[in-house]
Protein backbone atom coordinates (compact mmCIF):
# COMPACT_ATOMS: atom_id res chain seq x y z
CA MET A 1 -8.73 4.19 6.61
CA ILE A 2 -5.38 3.21 4.94
CA HIS A 3 -2.32 2.52 6.18
CA PHE A 4 0.99 2.04 4.84
CA ILE A 5 4.33 -0.13 6.36
CA SER A 6 7.18 -2.45 5.32
CA ASP A 7 9.77 -4.19 6.64
CA THR A 8 8.85 -5.69 9.64
CA HIS A 9 11.47 -8.75 9.75
CA PHE A 10 9.37 -10.50 12.37
CA ASP A 11 11.84 -12.99 14.31
CA HIS A 12 14.90 -11.78 12.77
CA ALA A 13 17.44 -10.88 15.17
CA ASN A 14 20.08 -9.83 13.15
CA ILE A 15 17.51 -6.83 11.60
CA ILE A 16 18.44 -5.37 15.13
CA GLY A 17 21.94 -4.72 14.63
CA TYR A 18 21.82 -4.13 10.68
CA CYS A 19 19.32 -1.32 11.27
CA ASN A 20 19.84 -0.14 14.80
CA ARG A 21 16.38 -1.27 16.08
CA PRO A 22 16.24 -0.23 19.67
CA PHE A 23 15.35 -4.05 21.12
CA SER A 24 17.13 -6.44 23.13
CA SER A 25 15.75 -9.25 21.76
CA VAL A 26 13.79 -10.52 18.79
CA GLU A 27 10.82 -11.04 21.63
CA GLU A 28 10.72 -7.74 22.52
CA MET A 29 10.88 -6.49 19.01
CA ASN A 30 8.16 -8.68 17.93
CA GLU A 31 5.70 -8.02 20.54
CA TYR A 32 6.83 -3.97 20.29
CA MET A 33 5.49 -3.86 16.16
CA LEU A 34 2.33 -6.13 16.99
CA ASN A 35 1.31 -3.57 19.35
CA LYS A 36 2.08 -0.77 17.29
CA TRP A 37 0.12 -2.27 14.33
CA ASN A 38 -3.02 -3.10 16.54
CA SER A 39 -2.74 0.13 18.33
CA VAL A 40 -3.60 2.49 15.21
CA VAL A 41 -4.94 -0.20 12.87
CA ASP A 42 -8.85 -1.36 12.93
CA LYS A 43 -9.90 -4.35 11.84
CA ASN A 44 -11.89 -2.68 8.91
CA ASP A 45 -9.05 -0.57 8.15
CA ILE A 46 -6.50 -1.34 4.77
CA VAL A 47 -3.10 -1.67 5.02
CA TYR A 48 -0.71 -1.64 2.08
CA PHE A 49 2.17 -4.02 3.59
CA LEU A 50 5.41 -3.71 1.42
CA GLY A 51 7.43 -6.98 2.01
CA ASP A 52 9.34 -8.83 3.69
CA LEU A 53 7.10 -9.39 6.95
CA SER A 54 9.56 -12.28 8.71
CA TYR A 55 12.70 -13.40 8.02
CA GLY A 56 15.64 -15.59 9.47
CA ARG A 57 15.87 -19.11 10.93
CA GLY A 58 13.11 -20.31 12.79
CA ARG A 59 10.77 -17.75 11.73
CA ARG A 60 7.18 -18.35 11.75
CA PRO A 61 5.20 -18.34 8.64
CA HIS A 62 3.49 -15.57 7.32
CA GLY A 63 0.27 -16.59 8.19
CA PHE A 64 1.40 -16.87 11.92
CA TRP A 65 2.01 -13.13 11.97
CA LEU A 66 -0.97 -12.02 9.43
CA SER A 67 -3.46 -13.64 11.60
CA GLN A 68 -2.24 -11.30 14.57
CA LEU A 69 -2.48 -8.03 13.10
CA ASN A 70 -5.50 -5.99 12.28
CA GLY A 71 -7.01 -4.42 9.20
CA LYS A 72 -7.39 -6.33 5.32
CA ILE A 73 -3.92 -6.73 4.59
CA MET A 74 -2.90 -6.05 0.69
CA PHE A 75 0.63 -7.58 0.58
CA VAL A 76 2.85 -6.56 -2.14
CA ARG A 77 5.86 -9.01 -2.05
CA GLY A 78 9.82 -7.98 -0.83
CA SER A 79 12.80 -9.49 -0.92
CA HIS A 80 12.52 -12.44 1.42
CA ASP A 81 8.84 -12.96 1.20
CA ASP A 82 9.63 -15.81 -1.89
CA GLY A 83 8.72 -19.31 -0.85
CA CYS A 84 6.94 -18.47 2.51
CA LEU A 85 3.74 -16.83 1.27
CA ASP A 86 1.76 -19.93 1.43
CA GLY A 87 -1.16 -18.86 -0.54
CA ILE A 88 -1.29 -15.45 0.73
CA GLU A 89 -2.49 -13.30 -2.36
CA SER A 90 0.27 -11.16 -3.07
CA HIS A 91 1.38 -8.45 -5.63
CA SER A 92 4.68 -7.38 -7.19
CA GLU A 93 3.10 -3.66 -7.04
CA MET A 94 -0.18 -2.01 -7.05
CA ARG A 95 -1.15 1.39 -8.01
CA ILE A 96 -3.74 3.42 -5.71
CA PHE A 97 -5.33 6.32 -6.67
CA TYR A 98 -6.38 8.90 -3.66
CA GLU A 99 -7.74 12.06 -3.53
CA GLY A 100 -6.36 13.32 -7.17
CA ILE A 101 -2.77 11.65 -6.63
CA THR A 102 -1.64 8.30 -8.17
CA PHE A 103 0.43 6.58 -6.02
CA LEU A 104 2.99 3.48 -7.10
CA VAL A 105 3.21 0.83 -3.93
CA ILE A 106 5.82 -1.13 -4.19
CA HIS A 107 8.57 -3.13 -1.89
CA SER A 108 11.56 -1.68 -3.52
CA PRO A 109 12.46 1.80 -4.88
CA TYR A 110 15.18 0.58 -7.15
CA GLU A 111 12.00 -0.97 -9.03
CA ALA A 112 10.23 2.06 -9.48
CA SER A 113 9.61 4.33 -12.54
CA PRO A 114 8.96 8.17 -10.87
CA LYS A 115 8.23 9.09 -14.80
CA HIS A 116 5.02 7.14 -14.52
CA TYR A 117 3.63 7.82 -11.28
CA GLU A 118 2.84 10.97 -9.45
CA TRP A 119 4.44 9.45 -5.66
CA THR A 120 6.28 6.39 -4.74
CA VAL A 121 5.15 4.75 -1.48
CA HIS A 122 8.19 1.94 -1.11
CA GLY A 123 10.05 0.21 1.91
CA HIS A 124 13.66 -2.05 1.50
CA VAL A 125 15.86 0.50 2.31
CA HIS A 126 15.25 0.59 5.97
CA ASN A 127 17.40 3.79 7.53
CA ASN A 128 20.31 2.71 5.91
CA ASN A 129 20.36 5.38 2.98
CA LEU A 130 18.55 8.60 4.68
CA GLU A 131 20.25 10.69 2.27
CA LYS A 132 18.61 9.69 -0.91
CA TYR A 133 15.58 7.51 0.88
CA PRO A 134 14.15 9.86 4.07
CA LEU A 135 10.93 9.16 5.21
CA PHE A 136 9.57 11.49 3.01
CA ASN A 137 11.43 12.75 -0.26
CA PRO A 138 9.65 15.85 -2.49
CA VAL A 139 12.52 15.80 -4.90
CA ARG A 140 12.39 11.99 -5.61
CA ARG A 141 8.40 12.40 -5.22
CA SER A 142 8.79 9.25 -2.34
CA VAL A 143 7.77 8.22 0.92
CA ASN A 144 9.71 5.21 2.79
CA VAL A 145 7.74 3.18 5.07
CA SER A 146 10.38 1.10 6.29
CA VAL A 147 9.35 0.44 9.78
CA GLU A 148 12.28 2.05 11.27
CA LEU A 149 11.00 5.49 10.18
CA ILE A 150 7.75 5.29 11.23
CA ASP A 151 8.22 4.47 14.81
CA TYR A 152 7.26 0.83 13.62
CA THR A 153 4.00 1.87 13.32
CA PRO A 154 1.77 1.95 10.36
CA VAL A 155 1.50 5.15 8.73
CA SER A 156 -1.64 6.36 7.59
CA ILE A 157 -2.28 7.85 3.82
CA GLU A 158 -3.95 11.24 5.55
CA LYS A 159 -0.78 11.78 7.18
CA ILE A 160 1.51 11.06 3.65
CA LEU A 161 -1.00 13.43 2.31
CA ASP A 162 -0.58 15.83 4.40
CA MET A 163 3.41 15.82 3.96
CA ILE A 164 2.62 16.15 0.24
CA LYS A 165 0.64 19.15 0.73
CA GLY A 166 2.73 20.43 2.90
CA ALA A 167 6.06 20.02 0.35
């Protein structure tokens, strides 16, 4: 199985207010996201993580979080990942060809050129511009997998295909 998710921001207290996340503490948020991830991702699944794993003062290293998350994680760098990858293989973008559809997998939709790819899967904008970047936008041919839009749970490529076929 293939999954997508972006912008967990583990350990980031300010993200709770910034994105109106429904948590009373960083500890509650971290535990909830770990449990949601591991409830749907098996150890042999592939997860395209689209950046911004953790952030803030006192954040734990990316390796700490990655060691607790199920799946083979394909890491696309986000705007807050520089300097904390410590040997973790990462990419600025990736391309996936699946069931006859080409996907550009990237952190920020602002860096995508939709002229060259059928669909863009991204994060970065969280839930702060839903008119332009909702979970699914058939006009822009984009899918926003920021955690706030997917109940903090990696979304499967099959669910994305269902949305595309239903558009």
